[in-house]
């Protein structure tokens, strides 16, 4: 069982997708995302398997919630620096988002 201390180790932040393109070399369909986390964290890259629900153009300027303190992970030819969070729903991965626009880099608590 996870503890509150385990949860507190995660650095979960809000960022805005500023670029999205197909990650053509990924084993499973995915997008390469560039996400702006504000001046403290800057722009990070992620590979996200969200192609079943989202078209490329729908992702631009969407705010998303990401874990930003996992080690980078190589996904095909993309170095994924953050983990974009979503639900595993019957239609595919649905992104977790805030219901109001907030500052890039805001911490989830």
PDB file of N, CA and C in Angstrom:
ATOM      1  N   UNK A   1       0.843  -1.183   0.000  1.00  0.00           N
ATOM      2  CA  UNK A   1       0.000   0.000   0.000  1.00  0.00           C
ATOM      3  C   UNK A   1       0.886   1.243   0.000  1.00  0.00           C
ATOM      4  N   UNK A   2       0.525   2.203  -0.800  1.00  0.00           N
ATOM      5  CA  UNK A   2       1.265   3.469  -0.850  1.00  0.00           C
ATOM      6  C   UNK A   2       0.906   4.329   0.358  1.00  0.00           C
ATOM      7  N   UNK A   3       1.855   5.154   0.766  1.00  0.00           N
ATOM      8  CA  UNK A   3       1.621   6.058   1.893  1.00  0.00           C
ATOM      9  C   UNK A   3       1.566   7.497   1.387  1.00  0.00           C
ATOM     10  N   UNK A   4       1.137   8.397   2.248  1.00  0.00           N
ATOM     11  CA  UNK A   4       1.128   9.819   1.898  1.00  0.00           C
ATOM     12  C   UNK A   4       2.552  10.291   1.629  1.00  0.00           C
ATOM     13  N   UNK A   5       3.527   9.707   2.328  1.00  0.00           N
ATOM     14  CA  UNK A   5       4.927  10.060   2.101  1.00  0.00           C
ATOM     15  C   UNK A   5       5.359   9.683   0.684  1.00  0.00           C
ATOM     16  N   UNK A   6       4.874   8.533   0.181  1.00  0.00           N
ATOM     17  CA  UNK A   6       5.161   8.131  -1.200  1.00  0.00           C
ATOM     18  C   UNK A   6       4.590   9.161  -2.173  1.00  0.00           C
ATOM     19  N   UNK A   7       3.360   9.569  -1.953  1.00  0.00           N
ATOM     20  CA  UNK A   7       2.718  10.549  -2.822  1.00  0.00           C
ATOM     21  C   UNK A   7       3.480  11.877  -2.799  1.00  0.00           C
ATOM     22  N   UNK A   8       3.933  12.294  -1.631  1.00  0.00           N
ATOM     23  CA  UNK A   8       4.621  13.573  -1.486  1.00  0.00           C
ATOM     24  C   UNK A   8       5.968  13.601  -2.222  1.00  0.00           C
ATOM     25  N   UNK A   9       6.520  12.439  -2.555  1.00  0.00           N
ATOM     26  CA  UNK A   9       7.766  12.373  -3.324  1.00  0.00           C
ATOM     27  C   UNK A   9       7.556  12.775  -4.779  1.00  0.00           C
ATOM     28  N   UNK A  10       6.312  12.674  -5.263  1.00  0.00           N
ATOM     29  CA  UNK A  10       6.026  13.011  -6.656  1.00  0.00           C
ATOM     30  C   UNK A  10       5.916  14.519  -6.832  1.00  0.00           C
ATOM     31  N   UNK A  11       6.507  15.016  -7.907  1.00  0.00           N
ATOM     32  CA  UNK A  11       6.379  16.427  -8.273  1.00  0.00           C
ATOM     33  C   UNK A  11       5.440  16.461  -9.478  1.00  0.00           C
ATOM     34  N   UNK A  12       4.189  16.824  -9.229  1.00  0.00           N
ATOM     35  CA  UNK A  12       3.156  16.815 -10.262  1.00  0.00           C
ATOM     36  C   UNK A  12       2.795  18.257 -10.573  1.00  0.00           C
ATOM     37  N   UNK A  13       2.916  18.635 -11.848  1.00  0.00           N
ATOM     38  CA  UNK A  13       2.745  20.027 -12.249  1.00  0.00           C
ATOM     39  C   UNK A  13       1.802  20.157 -13.442  1.00  0.00           C
ATOM     40  N   UNK A  14       1.332  21.383 -13.638  1.00  0.00           N
ATOM     41  CA  UNK A  14       0.509  21.730 -14.798  1.00  0.00           C
ATOM     42  C   UNK A  14       1.410  22.368 -15.851  1.00  0.00           C
ATOM     43  N   UNK A  15       1.208  21.970 -17.091  1.00  0.00           N
ATOM     44  CA  UNK A  15       1.938  22.562 -18.203  1.00  0.00           C
ATOM     45  C   UNK A  15       1.025  22.705 -19.408  1.00  0.00           C
ATOM     46  N   UNK A  16       1.447  23.498 -20.378  1.00  0.00           N
ATOM     47  CA  UNK A  16       0.671  23.732 -21.596  1.00  0.00           C
ATOM     48  C   UNK A  16       1.398  23.111 -22.783  1.00  0.00           C
ATOM     49  N   UNK A  17       0.675  22.320 -23.563  1.00  0.00           N
ATOM     50  CA  UNK A  17       1.246  21.713 -24.763  1.00  0.00           C
ATOM     51  C   UNK A  17       1.453  22.803 -25.805  1.00  0.00           C
ATOM     52  N   UNK A  18       2.706  22.952 -26.245  1.00  0.00           N
ATOM     53  CA  UNK A  18       3.008  23.984 -27.238  1.00  0.00           C
ATOM     54  C   UNK A  18       3.346  23.386 -28.605  1.00  0.00           C
ATOM     55  N   UNK A  19       3.554  22.058 -28.647  1.00  0.00           N
ATOM     56  CA  UNK A  19       3.818  21.395 -29.926  1.00  0.00           C
ATOM     57  C   UNK A  19       3.446  19.934 -29.791  1.00  0.00           C
ATOM     58  N   UNK A  20       2.885  19.376 -30.857  1.00  0.00           N
ATOM     59  CA  UNK A  20       2.522  17.959 -30.884  1.00  0.00           C
ATOM     60  C   UNK A  20       2.778  17.418 -32.283  1.00  0.00           C
ATOM     61  N   UNK A  21       3.486  16.298 -32.344  1.00  0.00           N
ATOM     62  CA  UNK A  21       3.708  15.637 -33.628  1.00  0.00           C
ATOM     63  C   UNK A  21       3.725  14.129 -33.387  1.00  0.00           C
ATOM     64  N   UNK A  22       3.448  13.356 -34.420  1.00  0.00           N
ATOM     65  CA  UNK A  22       3.461  11.906 -34.279  1.00  0.00           C
ATOM     66  C   UNK A  22       4.856  11.420 -33.922  1.00  0.00           C
ATOM     67  N   UNK A  23       4.921  10.506 -32.984  1.00  0.00           N
ATOM     68  CA  UNK A  23       6.167   9.812 -32.666  1.00  0.00           C
ATOM     69  C   UNK A  23       6.171   8.569 -33.560  1.00  0.00           C
ATOM     70  N   UNK A  24       6.630   8.733 -34.777  1.00  0.00           N
ATOM     71  CA  UNK A  24       6.503   7.710 -35.818  1.00  0.00           C
ATOM     72  C   UNK A  24       7.246   6.425 -35.507  1.00  0.00           C
ATOM     73  N   UNK A  25       8.286   6.484 -34.689  1.00  0.00           N
ATOM     74  CA  UNK A  25       9.080   5.290 -34.410  1.00  0.00           C
ATOM     75  C   UNK A  25       8.629   4.542 -33.154  1.00  0.00           C
ATOM     76  N   UNK A  26       7.633   5.046 -32.450  1.00  0.00           N
ATOM     77  CA  UNK A  26       7.135   4.369 -31.244  1.00  0.00           C
ATOM     78  C   UNK A  26       6.454   3.056 -31.629  1.00  0.00           C
ATOM     79  N   UNK A  27       6.582   2.036 -30.772  1.00  0.00           N
ATOM     80  CA  UNK A  27       5.954   0.741 -31.037  1.00  0.00           C
ATOM     81  C   UNK A  27       4.432   0.859 -31.066  1.00  0.00           C
ATOM     82  N   UNK A  28       3.873   1.635 -30.147  1.00  0.00           N
ATOM     83  CA  UNK A  28       2.441   1.904 -30.108  1.00  0.00           C
ATOM     84  C   UNK A  28       2.235   3.349 -30.543  1.00  0.00           C
ATOM     85  N   UNK A  29       1.139   3.656 -31.236  1.00  0.00           N
ATOM     86  CA  UNK A  29       0.916   5.037 -31.693  1.00  0.00           C
ATOM     87  C   UNK A  29       1.019   6.030 -30.535  1.00  0.00           C
ATOM     88  N   UNK A  30       1.781   7.097 -30.765  1.00  0.00           N
ATOM     89  CA  UNK A  30       2.006   8.099 -29.714  1.00  0.00           C
ATOM     90  C   UNK A  30       2.328   9.445 -30.357  1.00  0.00           C
ATOM     91  N   UNK A  31       2.169  10.499 -29.539  1.00  0.00           N
ATOM     92  CA  UNK A  31       2.573  11.834 -29.943  1.00  0.00           C
ATOM     93  C   UNK A  31       3.815  12.232 -29.162  1.00  0.00           C
ATOM     94  N   UNK A  32       4.690  12.970 -29.830  1.00  0.00           N
ATOM     95  CA  UNK A  32       5.799  13.646 -29.157  1.00  0.00           C
ATOM     96  C   UNK A  32       5.265  15.023 -28.800  1.00  0.00           C
ATOM     97  N   UNK A  33       5.235  15.320 -27.507  1.00  0.00           N
ATOM     98  CA  UNK A  33       4.694  16.591 -27.025  1.00  0.00           C
ATOM     99  C   UNK A  33       5.810  17.460 -26.466  1.00  0.00           C
ATOM    100  N   UNK A  34       5.717  18.755 -26.718  1.00  0.00           N
ATOM    101  CA  UNK A  34       6.551  19.741 -26.021  1.00  0.00           C
ATOM    102  C   UNK A  34       5.604  20.487 -25.101  1.00  0.00           C
ATOM    103  N   UNK A  35       5.967  20.514 -23.822  1.00  0.00           N
ATOM    104  CA  UNK A  35       5.083  21.065 -22.794  1.00  0.00           C
ATOM    105  C   UNK A  35       5.816  22.158 -22.036  1.00  0.00           C
ATOM    106  N   UNK A  36       5.175  23.318 -21.935  1.00  0.00           N
ATOM    107  CA  UNK A  36       5.746  24.476 -21.239  1.00  0.00           C
ATOM    108  C   UNK A  36       5.311  24.454 -19.777  1.00  0.00           C
ATOM    109  N   UNK A  37       6.300  24.357 -18.871  1.00  0.00           N
ATOM    110  CA  UNK A  37       6.034  24.355 -17.436  1.00  0.00           C
ATOM    111  C   UNK A  37       6.441  25.665 -16.765  1.00  0.00           C
ATOM    112  N   UNK A  38       6.582  26.727 -17.536  1.00  0.00           N
ATOM    113  CA  UNK A  38       6.908  28.022 -16.956  1.00  0.00           C
ATOM    114  C   UNK A  38       8.398  28.220 -16.773  1.00  0.00           C
ATOM    115  N   UNK A  39       8.742  29.373 -16.186  1.00  0.00           N
ATOM    116  CA  UNK A  39      10.155  29.771 -16.133  1.00  0.00           C
ATOM    117  C   UNK A  39      11.025  28.876 -15.252  1.00  0.00           C
ATOM    118  N   UNK A  40      10.474  28.288 -14.198  1.00  0.00           N
ATOM    119  CA  UNK A  40      11.304  27.463 -13.309  1.00  0.00           C
ATOM    120  C   UNK A  40      11.714  26.132 -13.937  1.00  0.00           C
ATOM    121  N   UNK A  41      10.791  25.465 -14.628  1.00  0.00           N
ATOM    122  CA  UNK A  41      11.072  24.156 -15.221  1.00  0.00           C
ATOM    123  C   UNK A  41      11.321  24.205 -16.725  1.00  0.00           C
ATOM    124  N   UNK A  42      10.781  25.220 -17.383  1.00  0.00           N
ATOM    125  CA  UNK A  42      10.988  25.362 -18.821  1.00  0.00           C
ATOM    126  C   UNK A  42      10.135  24.410 -19.644  1.00  0.00           C
ATOM    127  N   UNK A  43      10.639  24.095 -20.826  1.00  0.00           N
ATOM    128  CA  UNK A  43       9.916  23.242 -21.768  1.00  0.00           C
ATOM    129  C   UNK A  43      10.480  21.827 -21.672  1.00  0.00           C
ATOM    130  N   UNK A  44       9.580  20.864 -21.528  1.00  0.00           N
ATOM    131  CA  UNK A  44       9.951  19.447 -21.421  1.00  0.00           C
ATOM    132  C   UNK A  44       9.268  18.671 -22.539  1.00  0.00           C
ATOM    133  N   UNK A  45       9.838  17.515 -22.865  1.00  0.00           N
ATOM    134  CA  UNK A  45       9.315  16.653 -23.925  1.00  0.00           C
ATOM    135  C   UNK A  45       8.714  15.393 -23.310  1.00  0.00           C
ATOM    136  N   UNK A  46       7.645  14.907 -23.937  1.00  0.00           N
ATOM    137  CA  UNK A  46       7.033  13.658 -23.510  1.00  0.00           C
ATOM    138  C   UNK A  46       6.530  12.899 -24.720  1.00  0.00           C
ATOM    139  N   UNK A  47       6.531  11.576 -24.627  1.00  0.00           N
ATOM    140  CA  UNK A  47       5.879  10.730 -25.618  1.00  0.00           C
ATOM    141  C   UNK A  47       4.626  10.190 -24.944  1.00  0.00           C
ATOM    142  N   UNK A  48       3.466  10.456 -25.536  1.00  0.00           N
ATOM    143  CA  UNK A  48       2.196  10.095 -24.903  1.00  0.00           C
ATOM    144  C   UNK A  48       1.324   9.284 -25.863  1.00  0.00           C
ATOM    145  N   UNK A  49       0.833   8.154 -25.378  1.00  0.00           N
ATOM    146  CA  UNK A  49      -0.028   7.282 -26.175  1.00  0.00           C
ATOM    147  C   UNK A  49      -1.482   7.734 -26.047  1.00  0.00           C
ATOM    148  N   UNK A  50      -1.780   8.851 -26.688  1.00  0.00           N
ATOM    149  CA  UNK A  50      -3.125   9.446 -26.583  1.00  0.00           C
ATOM    150  C   UNK A  50      -3.759   9.643 -27.956  1.00  0.00           C
ATOM    151  N   UNK A  51      -3.287   8.880 -28.946  1.00  0.00           N
ATOM    152  CA  UNK A  51      -3.753   9.073 -30.324  1.00  0.00           C
ATOM    153  C   UNK A  51      -5.170   8.566 -30.557  1.00  0.00           C
ATOM    154  N   UNK A  52      -5.686   7.671 -29.718  1.00  0.00           N
ATOM    155  CA  UNK A  52      -7.043   7.151 -29.918  1.00  0.00           C
ATOM    156  C   UNK A  52      -8.101   8.216 -29.657  1.00  0.00           C
ATOM    157  N   UNK A  53      -7.834   9.120 -28.738  1.00  0.00           N
ATOM    158  CA  UNK A  53      -8.825  10.113 -28.328  1.00  0.00           C
ATOM    159  C   UNK A  53      -8.565  11.487 -28.938  1.00  0.00           C
ATOM    160  N   UNK A  54      -7.291  11.840 -29.126  1.00  0.00           N
ATOM    161  CA  UNK A  54      -6.941  13.208 -29.520  1.00  0.00           C
ATOM    162  C   UNK A  54      -6.284  13.270 -30.892  1.00  0.00           C
ATOM    163  N   UNK A  55      -6.698  14.249 -31.673  1.00  0.00           N
ATOM    164  CA  UNK A  55      -6.017  14.586 -32.914  1.00  0.00           C
ATOM    165  C   UNK A  55      -4.920  15.594 -32.563  1.00  0.00           C
ATOM    166  N   UNK A  56      -3.901  15.617 -33.379  1.00  0.00           N
ATOM    167  CA  UNK A  56      -2.741  16.481 -33.145  1.00  0.00           C
ATOM    168  C   UNK A  56      -3.153  17.927 -32.877  1.00  0.00           C
ATOM    169  N   UNK A  57      -4.011  18.477 -33.710  1.00  0.00           N
ATOM    170  CA  UNK A  57      -4.396  19.884 -33.595  1.00  0.00           C
ATOM    171  C   UNK A  57      -5.222  20.173 -32.337  1.00  0.00           C
ATOM    172  N   UNK A  58      -5.864  19.165 -31.765  1.00  0.00           N
ATOM    173  CA  UNK A  58      -6.642  19.353 -30.537  1.00  0.00           C
ATOM    174  C   UNK A  58      -5.746  19.571 -29.318  1.00  0.00           C
ATOM    175  N   UNK A  59      -4.508  19.158 -29.413  1.00  0.00           N
ATOM    176  CA  UNK A  59      -3.617  19.183 -28.253  1.00  0.00           C
ATOM    177  C   UNK A  59      -2.958  20.529 -28.010  1.00  0.00           C
ATOM    178  N   UNK A  60      -2.787  21.307 -29.062  1.00  0.00           N
ATOM    179  CA  UNK A  60      -2.097  22.591 -28.906  1.00  0.00           C
ATOM    180  C   UNK A  60      -2.829  23.495 -27.927  1.00  0.00           C
ATOM    181  N   UNK A  61      -2.064  24.075 -27.013  1.00  0.00           N
ATOM    182  CA  UNK A  61      -2.546  25.009 -25.987  1.00  0.00           C
ATOM    183  C   UNK A  61      -3.416  24.363 -24.915  1.00  0.00           C
ATOM    184  N   UNK A  62      -3.479  23.028 -24.876  1.00  0.00           N
ATOM    185  CA  UNK A  62      -4.199  22.331 -23.809  1.00  0.00           C
ATOM    186  C   UNK A  62      -3.302  22.245 -22.585  1.00  0.00           C
ATOM    187  N   UNK A  63      -3.857  22.546 -21.433  1.00  0.00           N
ATOM    188  CA  UNK A  63      -3.101  22.349 -20.199  1.00  0.00           C
ATOM    189  C   UNK A  63      -3.261  20.899 -19.757  1.00  0.00           C
ATOM    190  N   UNK A  64      -2.152  20.297 -19.323  1.00  0.00           N
ATOM    191  CA  UNK A  64      -2.138  18.905 -18.889  1.00  0.00           C
ATOM    192  C   UNK A  64      -1.438  18.800 -17.540  1.00  0.00           C
ATOM    193  N   UNK A  65      -1.627  17.664 -16.907  1.00  0.00           N
ATOM    194  CA  UNK A  65      -1.025  17.403 -15.607  1.00  0.00           C
ATOM    195  C   UNK A  65       0.018  16.308 -15.797  1.00  0.00           C
ATOM    196  N   UNK A  66       1.228  16.558 -15.274  1.00  0.00           N
ATOM    197  CA  UNK A  66       2.356  15.655 -15.520  1.00  0.00           C
ATOM    198  C   UNK A  66       3.192  15.442 -14.268  1.00  0.00           C
ATOM    199  N   UNK A  67       3.755  14.246 -14.153  1.00  0.00           N
ATOM    200  CA  UNK A  67       4.799  13.988 -13.160  1.00  0.00           C
ATOM    201  C   UNK A  67       6.104  14.452 -13.796  1.00  0.00           C
ATOM    202  N   UNK A  68       6.799  15.366 -13.110  1.00  0.00           N
ATOM    203  CA  UNK A  68       8.004  15.962 -13.705  1.00  0.00           C
ATOM    204  C   UNK A  68       9.308  15.495 -13.061  1.00  0.00           C
ATOM    205  N   UNK A  69       9.239  14.611 -12.054  1.00  0.00           N
ATOM    206  CA  UNK A  69      10.483  14.208 -11.396  1.00  0.00           C
ATOM    207  C   UNK A  69      10.808  12.722 -11.534  1.00  0.00           C
ATOM    208  N   UNK A  70      10.268  12.052 -12.558  1.00  0.00           N
ATOM    209  CA  UNK A  70      10.736  10.716 -12.900  1.00  0.00           C
ATOM    210  C   UNK A  70      11.996  10.860 -13.753  1.00  0.00           C
ATOM    211  N   UNK A  71      12.872   9.861 -13.763  1.00  0.00           N
ATOM    212  CA  UNK A  71      14.039   9.939 -14.649  1.00  0.00           C
ATOM    213  C   UNK A  71      13.587   9.936 -16.117  1.00  0.00           C
ATOM    214  N   UNK A  72      14.306  10.619 -16.995  1.00  0.00           N
ATOM    215  CA  UNK A  72      13.958  10.581 -18.426  1.00  0.00           C
ATOM    216  C   UNK A  72      13.982   9.148 -18.940  1.00  0.00           C
ATOM    217  N   UNK A  73      13.114   8.896 -19.932  1.00  0.00           N
ATOM    218  CA  UNK A  73      12.978   7.548 -20.478  1.00  0.00           C
ATOM    219  C   UNK A  73      12.980   7.620 -22.004  1.00  0.00           C
ATOM    220  N   UNK A  74      13.785   6.790 -22.617  1.00  0.00           N
ATOM    221  CA  UNK A  74      13.848   6.754 -24.077  1.00  0.00           C
ATOM    222  C   UNK A  74      12.639   5.998 -24.619  1.00  0.00           C
ATOM    223  N   UNK A  75      11.855   6.665 -25.490  1.00  0.00           N
ATOM    224  CA  UNK A  75      10.711   6.045 -26.161  1.00  0.00           C
ATOM    225  C   UNK A  75      10.948   6.228 -27.656  1.00  0.00           C
ATOM    226  N   UNK A  76      11.373   5.151 -28.304  1.00  0.00           N
ATOM    227  CA  UNK A  76      11.780   5.219 -29.710  1.00  0.00           C
ATOM    228  C   UNK A  76      12.868   6.282 -29.838  1.00  0.00           C
ATOM    229  N   UNK A  77      12.649   7.306 -30.666  1.00  0.00           N
ATOM    230  CA  UNK A  77      13.689   8.326 -30.826  1.00  0.00           C
ATOM    231  C   UNK A  77      13.413   9.580 -29.995  1.00  0.00           C
ATOM    232  N   UNK A  78      12.529   9.473 -29.000  1.00  0.00           N
ATOM    233  CA  UNK A  78      12.167  10.606 -28.143  1.00  0.00           C
ATOM    234  C   UNK A  78      12.651  10.343 -26.719  1.00  0.00           C
ATOM    235  N   UNK A  79      13.348  11.328 -26.125  1.00  0.00           N
ATOM    236  CA  UNK A  79      13.696  11.248 -24.714  1.00  0.00           C
ATOM    237  C   UNK A  79      12.529  11.873 -23.942  1.00  0.00           C
ATOM    238  N   UNK A  80      11.715  11.010 -23.316  1.00  0.00           N
ATOM    239  CA  UNK A  80      10.530  11.470 -22.602  1.00  0.00           C
ATOM    240  C   UNK A  80      10.945  11.922 -21.197  1.00  0.00           C
ATOM    241  N   UNK A  81      10.772  13.223 -20.921  1.00  0.00           N
ATOM    242  CA  UNK A  81      11.248  13.809 -19.665  1.00  0.00           C
ATOM    243  C   UNK A  81      10.167  13.885 -18.594  1.00  0.00           C
ATOM    244  N   UNK A  82       8.903  13.830 -18.999  1.00  0.00           N
ATOM    245  CA  UNK A  82       7.794  13.919 -18.048  1.00  0.00           C
ATOM    246  C   UNK A  82       6.741  12.889 -18.412  1.00  0.00           C
ATOM    247  N   UNK A  83       5.929  12.494 -17.427  1.00  0.00           N
ATOM    248  CA  UNK A  83       4.839  11.554 -17.645  1.00  0.00           C
ATOM    249  C   UNK A  83       3.523  12.323 -17.634  1.00  0.00           C
ATOM    250  N   UNK A  84       2.852  12.342 -18.780  1.00  0.00           N
ATOM    251  CA  UNK A  84       1.546  12.994 -18.895  1.00  0.00           C
ATOM    252  C   UNK A  84       0.514  12.056 -18.289  1.00  0.00           C
ATOM    253  N   UNK A  85      -0.337  12.582 -17.404  1.00  0.00           N
ATOM    254  CA  UNK A  85      -1.311  11.741 -16.707  1.00  0.00           C
ATOM    255  C   UNK A  85      -2.660  11.729 -17.412  1.00  0.00           C
ATOM    256  N   UNK A  86      -3.293  10.564 -17.391  1.00  0.00           N
ATOM    257  CA  UNK A  86      -4.614  10.412 -17.984  1.00  0.00           C
ATOM    258  C   UNK A  86      -5.301   9.186 -17.411  1.00  0.00           C
ATOM    259  N   UNK A  87      -6.559   9.032 -17.764  1.00  0.00           N
ATOM    260  CA  UNK A  87      -7.324   7.866 -17.325  1.00  0.00           C
ATOM    261  C   UNK A  87      -7.304   6.809 -18.416  1.00  0.00           C
ATOM    262  N   UNK A  88      -7.284   5.553 -18.018  1.00  0.00           N
ATOM    263  CA  UNK A  88      -7.405   4.453 -18.975  1.00  0.00           C
ATOM    264  C   UNK A  88      -8.889   4.185 -19.141  1.00  0.00           C
ATOM    265  N   UNK A  89      -9.497   4.829 -20.111  1.00  0.00           N
ATOM    266  CA  UNK A  89     -10.933   4.755 -20.332  1.00  0.00           C
ATOM    267  C   UNK A  89     -11.244   3.863 -21.525  1.00  0.00           C
ATOM    268  N   UNK A  90     -12.509   3.493 -21.683  1.00  0.00           N
ATOM    269  CA  UNK A  90     -12.873   2.578 -22.772  1.00  0.00           C
ATOM    270  C   UNK A  90     -12.554   3.176 -24.141  1.00  0.00           C
ATOM    271  N   UNK A  91     -12.580   4.515 -24.280  1.00  0.00           N
ATOM    272  CA  UNK A  91     -12.267   5.150 -25.563  1.00  0.00           C
ATOM    273  C   UNK A  91     -10.777   5.357 -25.770  1.00  0.00           C
ATOM    274  N   UNK A  92      -9.963   5.090 -24.764  1.00  0.00           N
ATOM    275  CA  UNK A  92      -8.521   5.298 -24.820  1.00  0.00           C
ATOM    276  C   UNK A  92      -8.081   6.172 -23.663  1.00  0.00           C
ATOM    277  N   UNK A  93      -6.847   6.646 -23.706  1.00  0.00           N
ATOM    278  CA  UNK A  93      -6.322   7.496 -22.637  1.00  0.00           C
ATOM    279  C   UNK A  93      -6.939   8.891 -22.753  1.00  0.00           C
ATOM    280  N   UNK A  94      -7.575   9.335 -21.673  1.00  0.00           N
ATOM    281  CA  UNK A  94      -8.165  10.672 -21.597  1.00  0.00           C
ATOM    282  C   UNK A  94      -7.311  11.488 -20.631  1.00  0.00           C
ATOM    283  N   UNK A  95      -6.844  12.630 -21.086  1.00  0.00           N
ATOM    284  CA  UNK A  95      -5.945  13.474 -20.302  1.00  0.00           C
ATOM    285  C   UNK A  95      -6.606  14.028 -19.047  1.00  0.00           C
ATOM    286  N   UNK A  96      -5.824  14.087 -17.960  1.00  0.00           N
ATOM    287  CA  UNK A  96      -6.253  14.800 -16.757  1.00  0.00           C
ATOM    288  C   UNK A  96      -5.955  16.274 -16.976  1.00  0.00           C
ATOM    289  N   UNK A  97      -6.913  17.126 -16.616  1.00  0.00           N
ATOM    290  CA  UNK A  97      -6.748  18.568 -16.836  1.00  0.00           C
ATOM    291  C   UNK A  97      -7.411  19.325 -15.700  1.00  0.00           C
ATOM    292  N   UNK A  98      -7.048  20.587 -15.563  1.00  0.00           N
ATOM    293  CA  UNK A  98      -7.720  21.452 -14.596  1.00  0.00           C
ATOM    294  C   UNK A  98      -9.016  21.957 -15.220  1.00  0.00           C
ATOM    295  N   UNK A  99      -9.975  22.347 -14.400  1.00  0.00           N
ATOM    296  CA  UNK A  99     -11.220  22.881 -14.971  1.00  0.00           C
ATOM    297  C   UNK A  99     -11.134  24.387 -15.200  1.00  0.00           C
ATOM    298  N   UNK A 100     -10.053  25.004 -14.744  1.00  0.00           N
ATOM    299  CA  UNK A 100      -9.786  26.418 -15.037  1.00  0.00           C
ATOM    300  C   UNK A 100      -8.334  26.564 -15.440  1.00  0.00           C
ATOM    301  N   UNK A 101      -8.054  27.569 -16.247  1.00  0.00           N
ATOM    302  CA  UNK A 101      -6.677  27.827 -16.660  1.00  0.00           C
ATOM    303  C   UNK A 101      -5.881  28.296 -15.445  1.00  0.00           C
ATOM    304  N   UNK A 102      -4.677  27.728 -15.297  1.00  0.00           N
ATOM    305  CA  UNK A 102      -3.782  28.087 -14.194  1.00  0.00           C
ATOM    306  C   UNK A 102      -2.402  28.393 -14.769  1.00  0.00           C
ATOM    307  N   UNK A 103      -1.493  28.818 -13.923  1.00  0.00           N
ATOM    308  CA  UNK A 103      -0.141  29.131 -14.362  1.00  0.00           C
ATOM    309  C   UNK A 103       0.617  27.863 -14.702  1.00  0.00           C
ATOM    310  N   UNK A 104       1.402  27.907 -15.789  1.00  0.00           N
ATOM    311  CA  UNK A 104       2.286  26.782 -16.099  1.00  0.00           C
ATOM    312  C   UNK A 104       3.263  26.603 -14.963  1.00  0.00           C
ATOM    313  N   UNK A 105       3.443  25.361 -14.545  1.00  0.00           N
ATOM    314  CA  UNK A 105       4.349  25.052 -13.450  1.00  0.00           C
ATOM    315  C   UNK A 105       3.648  24.945 -12.110  1.00  0.00           C
ATOM    316  N   UNK A 106       2.364  25.319 -12.032  1.00  0.00           N
ATOM    317  CA  UNK A 106       1.656  25.173 -10.761  1.00  0.00           C
ATOM    318  C   UNK A 106       1.737  23.729 -10.300  1.00  0.00           C
ATOM    319  N   UNK A 107       1.954  23.550  -9.003  1.00  0.00           N
ATOM    320  CA  UNK A 107       2.136  22.228  -8.413  1.00  0.00           C
ATOM    321  C   UNK A 107       0.787  21.656  -7.974  1.00  0.00           C
ATOM    322  N   UNK A 108       0.596  20.379  -8.252  1.00  0.00           N
ATOM    323  CA  UNK A 108      -0.593  19.662  -7.794  1.00  0.00           C
ATOM    324  C   UNK A 108      -0.321  19.234  -6.349  1.00  0.00           C
ATOM    325  N   UNK A 109      -1.282  19.490  -5.489  1.00  0.00           N
ATOM    326  CA  UNK A 109      -1.102  19.095  -4.083  1.00  0.00           C
ATOM    327  C   UNK A 109      -2.357  18.427  -3.558  1.00  0.00           C
TER     328      UNK A 109
END
